[in-house]
C-alpha atoms as a PDB file:
ATOM      1  CA  MET A   1      41.680  72.100  89.955  1.00  0.00           C
ATOM      2  CA  LEU A   2      43.989  71.616  92.933  1.00  0.00           C
ATOM      3  CA  SER A   3      42.602  70.002  96.044  1.00  0.00           C
ATOM      4  CA  ASN A   4      45.888  69.377  97.885  1.00  0.00           C
ATOM      5  CA  LEU A   5      48.867  71.733  97.675  1.00  0.00           C
ATOM      6  CA  LEU A   6      51.425  69.004  98.422  1.00  0.00           C
ATOM      7  CA  ARG A   7      50.225  66.385  95.929  1.00  0.00           C
ATOM      8  CA  ASP A   8      50.132  66.105  92.169  1.00  0.00           C
ATOM      9  CA  LEU A   9      53.287  68.128  91.740  1.00  0.00           C
ATOM     10  CA  PRO A  10      53.888  68.960  88.095  1.00  0.00           C
ATOM     11  CA  ALA A  11      56.979  67.768  86.316  1.00  0.00           C
ATOM     12  CA  SER A  12      59.293  70.739  85.844  1.00  0.00           C
ATOM     13  CA  ALA A  13      59.007  71.889  82.243  1.00  0.00           C
ATOM     14  CA  ASN A  14      62.477  72.667  80.915  1.00  0.00           C
ATOM     15  CA  GLY A  15      63.673  73.564  84.385  1.00  0.00           C
ATOM     16  CA  ALA A  16      61.022  76.259  84.859  1.00  0.00           C
ATOM     17  CA  GLU A  17      58.990  76.956  87.969  1.00  0.00           C
ATOM     18  CA  THR A  18      55.329  76.013  87.791  1.00  0.00           C
ATOM     19  CA  PHE A  19      52.422  78.209  88.837  1.00  0.00           C
ATOM     20  CA  ASP A  20      48.967  76.796  89.627  1.00  0.00           C
ATOM     21  CA  ASP A  21      46.016  79.026  90.435  1.00  0.00           C
ATOM     22  CA  VAL A  22      44.196  77.990  93.604  1.00  0.00           C
ATOM     23  CA  LEU A  23      41.714  80.873  93.771  1.00  0.00           C
ATOM     24  CA  LEU A  24      41.127  83.829  91.452  1.00  0.00           C
ATOM     25  CA  ARG A  25      39.023  86.868  92.288  1.00  0.00           C
ATOM     26  CA  THR A  26      39.044  90.406  90.932  1.00  0.00           C
ATOM     27  CA  ASP A  27      41.226  91.690  93.769  1.00  0.00           C
ATOM     28  CA  LEU A  28      42.827  88.456  94.979  1.00  0.00           C
ATOM     29  CA  LYS A  29      44.939  85.665  93.522  1.00  0.00           C
ATOM     30  CA  ILE A  30      46.147  82.626  95.456  1.00  0.00           C
ATOM     31  CA  GLU A  31      48.613  80.363  93.718  1.00  0.00           C
ATOM     32  CA  ARG A  32      50.876  77.411  94.344  1.00  0.00           C
ATOM     33  CA  ILE A  33      54.406  77.851  93.052  1.00  0.00           C
ATOM     34  CA  VAL A  34      56.688  74.828  92.704  1.00  0.00           C
ATOM     35  CA  SER A  35      60.390  75.645  92.463  1.00  0.00           C
ATOM     36  CA  THR A  36      63.092  73.090  91.751  1.00  0.00           C
ATOM     37  CA  GLY A  37      66.290  75.055  92.240  1.00  0.00           C
ATOM     38  CA  GLN A  38      65.343  78.210  90.336  1.00  0.00           C
ATOM     39  CA  ALA A  39      66.512  81.698  91.265  1.00  0.00           C
ATOM     40  CA  SER A  40      65.993  85.194  89.907  1.00  0.00           C
ATOM     41  CA  PRO A  41      68.386  86.069  87.076  1.00  0.00           C
ATOM     42  CA  PRO A  42      71.489  88.022  88.145  1.00  0.00           C
ATOM     43  CA  ASP A  43      70.722  91.703  88.804  1.00  0.00           C
ATOM     44  CA  PHE A  44      66.967  91.114  88.275  1.00  0.00           C
ATOM     45  CA  TRP A  45      64.443  92.400  90.822  1.00  0.00           C
ATOM     46  CA  TYR A  46      60.706  91.795  90.881  1.00  0.00           C
ATOM     47  CA  CYS A  47      58.610  94.919  91.470  1.00  0.00           C
ATOM     48  CA  GLN A  48      54.890  94.169  91.463  1.00  0.00           C
ATOM     49  CA  PRO A  49      51.925  96.578  91.557  1.00  0.00           C
ATOM     50  CA  GLN A  50      50.178  94.385  94.156  1.00  0.00           C
ATOM     51  CA  SER A  51      51.221  93.125  97.584  1.00  0.00           C
ATOM     52  CA  GLU A  52      52.204  89.463  97.963  1.00  0.00           C
ATOM     53  CA  TRP A  53      52.179  87.235 101.032  1.00  0.00           C
ATOM     54  CA  VAL A  54      54.208  84.021 100.626  1.00  0.00           C
ATOM     55  CA  LEU A  55      54.479  80.901 102.791  1.00  0.00           C
ATOM     56  CA  ILE A  56      56.902  77.991 102.374  1.00  0.00           C
ATOM     57  CA  LEU A  57      55.006  74.690 102.567  1.00  0.00           C
ATOM     58  CA  GLN A  58      57.939  72.446 101.611  1.00  0.00           C
ATOM     59  CA  GLY A  59      61.614  72.989 100.842  1.00  0.00           C
ATOM     60  CA  ALA A  60      63.421  76.280 101.431  1.00  0.00           C
ATOM     61  CA  ALA A  61      64.343  79.514  99.678  1.00  0.00           C
ATOM     62  CA  GLY A  62      66.477  82.617 100.010  1.00  0.00           C
ATOM     63  CA  LEU A  63      64.463  85.817  99.548  1.00  0.00           C
ATOM     64  CA  GLN A  64      66.166  89.214  99.274  1.00  0.00           C
ATOM     65  CA  LEU A  65      64.240  92.454  99.781  1.00  0.00           C
ATOM     66  CA  GLU A  66      65.838  95.620  98.462  1.00  0.00           C
ATOM     67  CA  GLY A  67      67.412  97.644 101.252  1.00  0.00           C
ATOM     68  CA  GLU A  68      67.984  94.647 103.517  1.00  0.00           C
ATOM     69  CA  ALA A  69      71.608  93.626 103.994  1.00  0.00           C
ATOM     70  CA  GLN A  70      70.863  89.937 104.548  1.00  0.00           C
ATOM     71  CA  GLU A  71      68.664  87.588 102.581  1.00  0.00           C
ATOM     72  CA  ARG A  72      65.789  85.970 104.431  1.00  0.00           C
ATOM     73  CA  VAL A  73      66.195  82.214 104.576  1.00  0.00           C
ATOM     74  CA  LEU A  74      62.687  80.781 104.468  1.00  0.00           C
ATOM     75  CA  GLN A  75      62.079  77.260 105.781  1.00  0.00           C
ATOM     76  CA  VAL A  76      58.861  75.239 106.070  1.00  0.00           C
ATOM     77  CA  GLY A  77      56.249  77.337 107.851  1.00  0.00           C
ATOM     78  CA  ASP A  78      58.035  80.666 107.336  1.00  0.00           C
ATOM     79  CA  PHE A  79      56.114  83.459 105.658  1.00  0.00           C
ATOM     80  CA  VAL A  80      56.711  87.050 104.615  1.00  0.00           C
ATOM     81  CA  ASN A  81      54.572  89.896 103.351  1.00  0.00           C
ATOM     82  CA  ILE A  82      56.029  91.782 100.388  1.00  0.00           C
ATOM     83  CA  PRO A  83      54.388  95.205 100.015  1.00  0.00           C
ATOM     84  CA  ALA A  84      53.363  96.484  96.587  1.00  0.00           C
ATOM     85  CA  GLN A  85      56.276  98.080  94.688  1.00  0.00           C
ATOM     86  CA  CYS A  86      58.860  96.478  97.017  1.00  0.00           C
ATOM     87  CA  ARG A  87      61.757  95.281  94.901  1.00  0.00           C
ATOM     88  CA  HIS A  88      62.683  91.698  95.755  1.00  0.00           C
ATOM     89  CA  ARG A  89      64.422  88.664  94.328  1.00  0.00           C
ATOM     90  CA  VAL A  90      64.732  84.946  94.950  1.00  0.00           C
ATOM     91  CA  ASN A  91      68.407  84.101  95.463  1.00  0.00           C
ATOM     92  CA  TRP A  92      67.908  80.321  95.542  1.00  0.00           C
ATOM     93  CA  THR A  93      65.350  77.560  96.072  1.00  0.00           C
ATOM     94  CA  ARG A  94      65.851  74.015  97.262  1.00  0.00           C
ATOM     95  CA  ALA A  95      65.397  71.449  94.488  1.00  0.00           C
ATOM     96  CA  GLU A  96      64.985  68.302  96.612  1.00  0.00           C
ATOM     97  CA  PRO A  97      62.440  68.159  97.884  1.00  0.00           C
ATOM     98  CA  PRO A  98      60.913  70.765  95.570  1.00  0.00           C
ATOM     99  CA  THR A  99      60.149  74.089  97.205  1.00  0.00           C
ATOM    100  CA  ILE A 100      56.409  74.665  97.384  1.00  0.00           C
ATOM    101  CA  TRP A 101      55.188  78.202  97.976  1.00  0.00           C
ATOM    102  CA  LEU A 102      51.692  79.432  98.726  1.00  0.00           C
ATOM    103  CA  ALA A 103      51.437  82.970  97.326  1.00  0.00           C
ATOM    104  CA  VAL A 104      48.584  85.360  98.011  1.00  0.00           C
ATOM    105  CA  HIS A 105      48.496  88.437  95.748  1.00  0.00           C
ATOM    106  CA  TYR A 106      46.235  91.212  97.029  1.00  0.00           C
ATOM    107  CA  GLU A 107      45.551  94.963  96.975  1.00  0.00           C
ATOM    108  CA  TYR A 108      45.507  95.387  93.242  1.00  0.00           C
ATOM    109  CA  PRO A 109      45.748  99.144  92.675  1.00  0.00           C
ATOM    110  CA  ASP A 110      42.902  99.456  90.156  1.00  0.00           C
ATOM    111  CA  GLY A 111      40.741  96.654  91.567  1.00  0.00           C
ATOM    112  CA  GLU A 112      41.441  94.334  88.658  1.00  0.00           C
ATOM    113  CA  ARG A 113      43.671  91.299  88.829  1.00  0.00           C
ATOM    114  CA  ARG A 114      46.585  91.256  86.454  1.00  0.00           C
ATOM    115  CA  GLU A 115      48.228  88.192  84.961  1.00  0.00           C
END
């Protein structure tokens, strides 16, 4: 179980992002995401049934929301709320230091958390 979001960073497994659950409830999920240079695949957009609020704790990232001309460059302390069903993608993440996100998933449409 995590007790500090900035310590005990996992070694990147085969260059993949890592996801650690901080708190799980039926209608709420809080997770730490550690990115080390990853980005969404070309032409891929996330579209989630729940809303997601993200905060950059360390590093930086470029987040693109569908319909916005410019990507949002997120630095330490920056956050954004991504409404349910809003198509979005991660254009880049800083590898050094690793980019650490705090993600809060909420408003699950049927009241049950999905993995």
